[in-house]
Amino acid sequence: MVLSSPSHLRNKKTRAIRVPIIDLSLDTATLACHIVSACQDYGFFKLMNHGVSFDVISKMEEVANGFFSKSATEKFKVKTNPPSPFGYGCRNIGFNGDVGELEYILLQANSISIDSEAFNVISDQPTDFSCAVDDYIKSVRKLTCGLLEILAVGLSLPDTNVFSRFIQHFDSDSCFRVNRYPGIETETNEHKLAHRIGFGEHSDPQIFTILRSNEVPGLQICTADGLWIPVVTEPTEFCVFVGDTLEVMTNGMFKSVRHRVMANMSKKSRMSMMYFAAPALNERVSPIKQMISTGNLQLYKSFTWSEYKKAAYSLRLGDQRIDLFKCHSNPC
């Protein structure tokens, strides 16, 4: 079965919750059906047998751990071009006062534009770091494009590249982020820690997010009825999130999933690696014409990715950014 070994959470407010786990080794028709269903019902699914080499994953994790093990002074020396928002960050999330219990490094995913001096700060083996990042991004980009093409098949769209072409564009604004949520170093009140946020509630503005984390828990997704579900993953699995841009392109058929990470309650650090698949800045995004009909009017305005990105990052983390581009009258 595709939906194997589901995660369960019994809650008096709702029925038992099943988080979809999709096996990518199955045939395309079956995959298309289940991916569409998962994107409709949750905006999220876990992925097994994804084809990304464990060597590629473990090497990326190794070089990331090497960077995070450096002193704060060394990490804050990391400069990128442009200098913001790419580079190293700690606690601060975005530009509007949001904070979390984490540190991170954010890189461009179409070309790693970090000067040679910065590579020497990131790693004692800068070539190894660069190669690990490049191999990982190439692998997850290929995976993302394949998933989006299967999704187009599941929606019976005549152009199976209708989503993936945005990611394949040489000027794609995709980015790659590694988050580290430090473990507990001293005795801490467990009840107090349980209510602290590692990364606050939000949806991702991009098309798709591909996440890989170690075995330390913390990730939660929100259902349509407002229930938060802890997501437990195996190191061999990926998590896939529908982003705001895919919600727009499917005219609301898929909903971008709201998610968060609770503060780490383990002595071991939680580390997650996210590939955010995005269009080029000047690409225009709008609902696909096949998703609009007399009974399903256009819900979102047309915009460039640059316009949406600017609007999204001008708001607080948990704000409903996609509402800014909803049609308030029809036709748009």
Protein backbone atom coordinates (compact mmCIF):
# COMPACT_ATOMS: atom_id res chain seq x y z
CA MET A 1 0.00 0.00 0.00
CA VAL A 2 1.06 3.59 -0.55
CA LEU A 3 -0.25 4.85 2.77
CA SER A 4 1.79 2.47 4.89
CA SER A 5 2.72 2.73 8.57
CA PRO A 6 0.74 5.95 9.11
CA SER A 7 1.35 8.22 12.09
CA HIS A 8 -1.67 8.23 14.43
CA LEU A 9 -2.88 10.79 16.93
CA ARG A 10 -6.10 10.17 18.84
CA ASN A 11 -7.75 13.39 20.03
CA LYS A 12 -11.19 13.92 21.58
CA LYS A 13 -11.75 16.78 19.12
CA THR A 14 -11.28 14.71 15.95
CA ARG A 15 -10.96 11.19 14.62
CA ALA A 16 -7.65 9.33 14.53
CA ILE A 17 -5.27 11.18 12.22
CA ARG A 18 -3.35 9.43 9.45
CA VAL A 19 -0.37 11.26 7.99
CA PRO A 20 0.13 10.03 4.40
CA ILE A 21 3.31 8.08 3.68
CA ILE A 22 3.85 7.67 -0.05
CA ASP A 23 6.12 5.06 -1.61
CA LEU A 24 7.74 6.58 -4.70
CA SER A 25 8.66 3.14 -6.08
CA LEU A 26 5.03 2.49 -7.10
CA ASP A 27 3.65 3.03 -10.60
CA THR A 28 2.94 6.55 -11.83
CA ALA A 29 -0.85 6.24 -11.97
CA THR A 30 -1.06 5.04 -8.37
CA LEU A 31 1.41 7.67 -7.21
CA ALA A 32 -0.48 10.45 -8.99
CA CYS A 33 -3.74 9.46 -7.32
CA HIS A 34 -2.28 9.35 -3.82
CA ILE A 35 -0.16 12.50 -4.15
CA VAL A 36 -3.18 14.49 -5.32
CA SER A 37 -5.21 13.10 -2.42
CA ALA A 38 -2.50 13.97 0.13
CA CYS A 39 -2.11 17.50 -1.24
CA GLN A 40 -5.89 18.01 -1.05
CA ASP A 41 -6.42 16.54 2.40
CA TYR A 42 -3.28 17.73 4.21
CA GLY A 43 -1.09 19.82 1.93
CA PHE A 44 1.60 17.46 3.19
CA PHE A 45 2.95 13.92 2.91
CA LYS A 46 5.95 11.86 3.88
CA LEU A 47 7.97 10.19 1.14
CA MET A 48 9.81 6.87 1.20
CA ASN A 49 11.93 5.17 -1.48
CA HIS A 50 12.59 8.62 -2.91
CA GLY A 51 15.81 7.68 -4.69
CA VAL A 52 18.07 10.28 -3.09
CA SER A 53 21.30 8.56 -2.11
CA PHE A 54 21.87 8.16 1.63
CA ASP A 55 25.51 9.08 0.98
CA VAL A 56 24.38 12.44 -0.43
CA ILE A 57 22.13 13.03 2.59
CA SER A 58 24.68 11.96 5.20
CA LYS A 59 27.46 14.04 3.62
CA MET A 60 25.26 17.13 3.69
CA GLU A 61 24.37 16.48 7.31
CA GLU A 62 28.04 15.94 8.16
CA VAL A 63 29.23 19.26 6.68
CA ALA A 64 26.27 21.11 8.24
CA ASN A 65 27.14 19.70 11.66
CA GLY A 66 30.71 20.78 11.09
CA PHE A 67 29.59 24.34 10.46
CA PHE A 68 27.25 24.52 13.44
CA SER A 69 29.96 23.18 15.75
CA LYS A 70 32.02 26.32 15.14
CA SER A 71 32.02 29.23 17.58
CA ALA A 72 29.35 31.92 17.30
CA THR A 73 32.03 34.44 16.33
CA GLU A 74 33.14 32.28 13.41
CA LYS A 75 29.59 31.57 12.22
CA PHE A 76 28.57 35.22 12.23
CA LYS A 77 31.48 35.97 9.88
CA VAL A 78 29.64 34.22 7.05
CA LYS A 79 28.81 36.74 4.33
CA THR A 80 26.90 36.13 1.12
CA ASN A 81 26.02 38.10 -1.96
CA PRO A 82 23.56 39.68 -1.40
CA PRO A 83 24.27 39.82 2.35
CA SER A 84 20.60 39.47 3.40
CA PRO A 85 18.63 37.29 3.90
CA PHE A 86 21.26 34.69 2.92
CA GLY A 87 23.94 33.62 5.36
CA TYR A 88 23.97 32.63 9.03
CA GLY A 89 21.23 33.54 11.50
CA CYS A 90 20.45 32.81 15.13
CA ARG A 91 17.06 33.13 16.86
CA ASN A 92 15.82 35.94 14.61
CA ILE A 93 13.42 34.79 11.86
CA GLY A 94 12.72 37.27 9.08
CA PHE A 95 12.62 41.03 9.47
CA ASN A 96 9.58 41.61 11.67
CA GLY A 97 10.58 40.55 15.16
CA ASP A 98 9.83 36.82 14.98
CA VAL A 99 12.22 34.67 16.99
CA GLY A 100 12.73 30.97 17.60
CA GLU A 101 14.92 28.51 19.45
CA LEU A 102 17.24 27.80 16.53
CA GLU A 103 20.20 28.76 14.40
CA TYR A 104 20.39 28.35 10.65
CA ILE A 105 22.24 28.92 7.41
CA LEU A 106 20.36 29.99 4.29
CA LEU A 107 21.81 29.62 0.78
CA GLN A 108 20.62 30.23 -2.75
CA ALA A 109 19.85 26.97 -4.51
CA ASN A 110 20.36 27.92 -8.16
CA SER A 111 23.94 29.12 -7.65
CA ILE A 112 25.78 29.07 -4.36
CA SER A 113 27.04 32.65 -4.40
CA ILE A 114 29.36 32.69 -1.40
CA ASP A 115 32.84 34.08 -1.80
CA SER A 116 35.92 31.95 -1.14
CA GLU A 117 36.66 33.69 2.17
CA ALA A 118 33.19 32.80 3.45
CA PHE A 119 33.62 29.17 2.42
CA ASN A 120 36.70 29.05 4.63
CA VAL A 121 34.50 30.17 7.54
CA ILE A 122 31.71 27.74 6.78
CA SER A 123 34.06 24.79 6.66
CA ASP A 124 37.69 23.84 7.21
CA GLN A 125 37.20 21.91 3.97
CA PRO A 126 35.41 24.50 1.79
CA THR A 127 35.50 22.38 -1.36
CA ASP A 128 33.90 19.46 0.48
CA PHE A 129 31.17 21.75 1.82
CA SER A 130 30.46 23.21 -1.61
CA CYS A 131 30.32 19.77 -3.25
CA ALA A 132 28.03 18.38 -0.53
CA VAL A 133 25.59 21.27 -0.93
CA ASP A 134 25.67 21.06 -4.73
CA ASP A 135 25.08 17.29 -4.76
CA TYR A 136 22.23 17.55 -2.27
CA ILE A 137 20.48 20.40 -4.09
CA LYS A 138 20.77 18.66 -7.47
CA SER A 139 19.26 15.49 -5.99
CA VAL A 140 16.31 17.14 -4.26
CA ARG A 141 15.66 19.46 -7.24
CA LYS A 142 15.37 16.39 -9.48
CA LEU A 143 13.08 14.76 -6.92
CA THR A 144 10.92 17.90 -6.68
CA CYS A 145 10.52 18.18 -10.44
CA GLY A 146 9.54 14.51 -10.67
CA LEU A 147 6.91 14.90 -7.95
CA LEU A 148 5.46 17.99 -9.61
CA GLU A 149 5.24 16.20 -12.95
CA ILE A 150 3.45 13.26 -11.32
CA LEU A 151 1.13 15.79 -9.70
CA ALA A 152 0.32 17.26 -13.12
CA VAL A 153 -0.54 13.75 -14.34
CA GLY A 154 -2.85 13.28 -11.38
CA LEU A 155 -4.65 16.53 -12.25
CA SER A 156 -5.00 15.42 -15.90
CA LEU A 157 -3.16 18.53 -17.11
CA PRO A 158 -2.02 18.40 -20.75
CA ASP A 159 1.39 19.91 -19.94
CA THR A 160 3.14 17.76 -17.33
CA ASN A 161 5.85 20.41 -16.97
CA VAL A 162 3.38 23.11 -15.97
CA PHE A 163 4.73 23.17 -12.39
CA SER A 164 8.26 21.78 -12.77
CA ARG A 165 9.33 24.28 -15.42
CA PHE A 166 9.44 26.97 -12.73
CA ILE A 167 12.02 24.95 -10.81
CA GLN A 168 14.06 23.96 -13.87
CA HIS A 169 14.48 27.59 -14.95
CA PHE A 170 18.15 28.58 -14.66
CA ASP A 171 17.14 31.73 -12.74
CA SER A 172 14.87 29.95 -10.25
CA ASP A 173 14.69 31.71 -6.88
CA SER A 174 14.79 28.41 -4.99
CA CYS A 175 16.77 28.36 -1.76
CA PHE A 176 18.26 25.86 0.67
CA ARG A 177 18.12 26.21 4.43
CA VAL A 178 19.54 24.12 7.27
CA ASN A 179 18.02 24.66 10.73
CA ARG A 180 19.60 23.46 13.96
CA TYR A 181 17.52 23.37 17.14
CA PRO A 182 19.97 22.98 20.05
CA GLY A 183 19.43 20.19 22.56
CA ILE A 184 18.86 20.72 26.27
CA GLU A 185 22.19 21.29 28.01
CA THR A 186 20.86 21.74 31.57
CA GLU A 187 17.87 20.67 33.62
CA THR A 188 14.83 22.58 32.34
CA ASN A 189 11.21 22.68 33.41
CA GLU A 190 9.62 20.29 30.91
CA HIS A 191 6.19 21.96 31.02
CA LYS A 192 7.72 25.36 30.34
CA LEU A 193 9.89 24.05 27.50
CA ALA A 194 6.91 22.28 25.90
CA HIS A 195 5.30 25.66 25.18
CA ARG A 196 8.39 27.30 23.69
CA ILE A 197 8.58 27.61 19.93
CA GLY A 198 11.49 26.47 17.82
CA PHE A 199 10.04 27.94 14.62
CA GLY A 200 6.62 29.58 14.69
CA GLU A 201 3.43 28.74 12.81
CA HIS A 202 3.56 29.59 9.10
CA SER A 203 3.06 28.32 5.58
CA ASP A 204 5.85 28.35 3.01
CA PRO A 205 5.39 30.89 0.20
CA GLN A 206 7.12 28.76 -2.45
CA ILE A 207 5.71 25.94 -4.63
CA PHE A 208 6.99 22.87 -2.79
CA THR A 209 9.23 22.32 0.23
CA ILE A 210 11.27 19.14 0.59
CA LEU A 211 12.43 18.57 4.17
CA ARG A 212 14.75 16.01 5.65
CA SER A 213 15.40 15.87 9.40
CA ASN A 214 17.17 13.63 11.84
CA GLU A 215 15.21 11.49 14.31
CA VAL A 216 14.73 14.27 16.90
CA PRO A 217 11.01 15.25 16.97
CA GLY A 218 9.46 18.72 16.97
CA LEU A 219 7.72 19.21 13.61
CA GLN A 220 3.93 19.65 13.69
CA ILE A 221 1.41 20.29 10.91
CA CYS A 222 -2.06 21.82 11.28
CA THR A 223 -5.18 20.14 9.92
CA ALA A 224 -8.09 21.98 8.31
CA ASP A 225 -9.99 21.86 11.62
CA GLY A 226 -7.10 23.38 13.57
CA LEU A 227 -5.61 20.29 15.19
CA TRP A 228 -1.83 20.22 15.47
CA ILE A 229 -0.34 16.83 14.57
CA PRO A 230 3.20 15.82 15.60
CA VAL A 231 5.06 14.41 12.61
CA VAL A 232 7.57 11.67 13.36
CA THR A 233 9.93 10.80 10.53
CA GLU A 234 12.58 8.21 9.85
CA PRO A 235 15.99 9.51 8.69
CA THR A 236 15.36 7.77 5.36
CA GLU A 237 12.13 9.71 4.71
CA PHE A 238 11.44 13.16 3.31
CA CYS A 239 8.56 15.47 4.21
CA VAL A 240 6.83 17.33 1.36
CA PHE A 241 4.86 20.55 1.96
CA VAL A 242 2.47 22.35 -0.38
CA GLY A 243 3.41 26.04 -0.53
CA ASP A 244 1.31 29.15 -1.14
CA THR A 245 2.33 29.36 -4.81
CA LEU A 246 1.08 25.84 -5.56
CA GLU A 247 -2.20 26.71 -3.80
CA VAL A 248 -2.57 29.66 -6.19
CA MET A 249 -1.69 27.64 -9.30
CA THR A 250 -4.23 24.95 -8.40
CA ASN A 251 -6.81 27.69 -7.68
CA GLY A 252 -7.23 26.56 -4.10
CA MET A 253 -7.64 22.85 -4.82
CA PHE A 254 -4.50 22.30 -2.72
CA LYS A 255 -4.01 24.29 0.47
CA SER A 256 -0.57 25.33 1.68
CA VAL A 257 -0.04 23.57 4.98
CA ARG A 258 0.59 25.56 8.15
CA HIS A 259 3.33 24.04 10.26
CA ARG A 260 5.68 24.81 13.14
CA VAL A 261 8.53 23.31 15.13
CA MET A 262 8.30 23.11 18.92
CA ALA A 263 11.41 23.75 21.00
CA ASN A 264 13.73 20.79 21.31
CA MET A 265 13.10 18.63 24.40
CA SER A 266 15.96 16.23 23.64
CA LYS A 267 19.59 16.38 24.66
CA LYS A 268 20.43 15.81 20.99
CA SER A 269 20.11 18.68 18.51
CA ARG A 270 17.36 18.54 15.92
CA MET A 271 18.61 19.36 12.43
CA SER A 272 16.41 19.81 9.38
CA MET A 273 17.38 20.56 5.78
CA MET A 274 14.83 22.28 3.54
CA TYR A 275 14.82 22.81 -0.22
CA PHE A 276 12.32 25.55 -1.08
CA ALA A 277 11.30 25.25 -4.75
CA ALA A 278 10.42 28.68 -6.16
CA PRO A 279 9.98 30.40 -9.54
CA ALA A 280 12.30 33.04 -10.95
CA LEU A 281 11.63 36.50 -9.54
CA ASN A 282 10.05 37.80 -12.76
CA GLU A 283 7.88 34.71 -13.37
CA ARG A 284 4.16 35.41 -13.34
CA VAL A 285 2.05 33.13 -11.17
CA SER A 286 -1.71 32.64 -11.58
CA PRO A 287 -4.26 29.83 -11.42
CA ILE A 288 -3.83 27.33 -14.26
CA LYS A 289 -6.67 27.73 -16.77
CA GLN A 290 -7.69 24.07 -16.44
CA MET A 291 -8.36 24.69 -12.74
CA ILE A 292 -10.91 27.43 -13.52
CA SER A 293 -14.46 26.73 -14.65
CA THR A 294 -17.99 28.07 -14.35
CA GLY A 295 -18.40 26.20 -11.10
CA ASN A 296 -14.89 26.96 -9.88
CA LEU A 297 -14.21 30.66 -10.42
CA GLN A 298 -10.74 32.16 -10.20
CA LEU A 299 -9.84 32.67 -6.53
CA TYR A 300 -6.46 34.41 -6.81
CA LYS A 301 -5.03 37.36 -8.69
CA SER A 302 -2.07 37.07 -11.01
CA PHE A 303 1.28 38.26 -9.62
CA THR A 304 5.00 37.87 -10.13
CA TRP A 305 6.96 35.77 -7.66
CA SER A 306 8.90 38.93 -6.77
CA GLU A 307 5.65 40.70 -5.83
CA TYR A 308 4.47 37.83 -3.69
CA LYS A 309 7.84 37.33 -2.04
CA LYS A 310 8.04 41.02 -1.14
CA ALA A 311 4.52 40.95 0.33
CA ALA A 312 5.11 37.69 2.19
CA TYR A 313 8.28 38.84 3.90
CA SER A 314 6.80 42.20 4.87
CA LEU A 315 4.42 40.44 7.30
CA ARG A 316 4.85 38.52 10.55
CA LEU A 317 5.58 34.81 10.36
CA GLY A 318 2.06 33.59 11.17
CA ASP A 319 0.09 36.10 9.05
CA GLN A 320 -2.13 34.77 6.26
CA ARG A 321 -0.03 36.20 3.45
CA ILE A 322 -1.87 34.52 0.62
CA ASP A 323 -5.05 36.45 1.53
CA LEU A 324 -3.43 39.58 0.07
CA PHE A 325 -3.82 38.12 -3.42
CA LYS A 326 -7.31 36.65 -3.16
CA CYS A 327 -9.98 37.90 -5.53
CA HIS A 328 -12.65 39.88 -3.70
CA SER A 329 -14.91 39.93 -6.74
CA ASN A 330 -15.20 37.76 -9.83
CA PRO A 331 -13.88 37.78 -12.40
CA CYS A 332 -10.44 38.79 -11.06
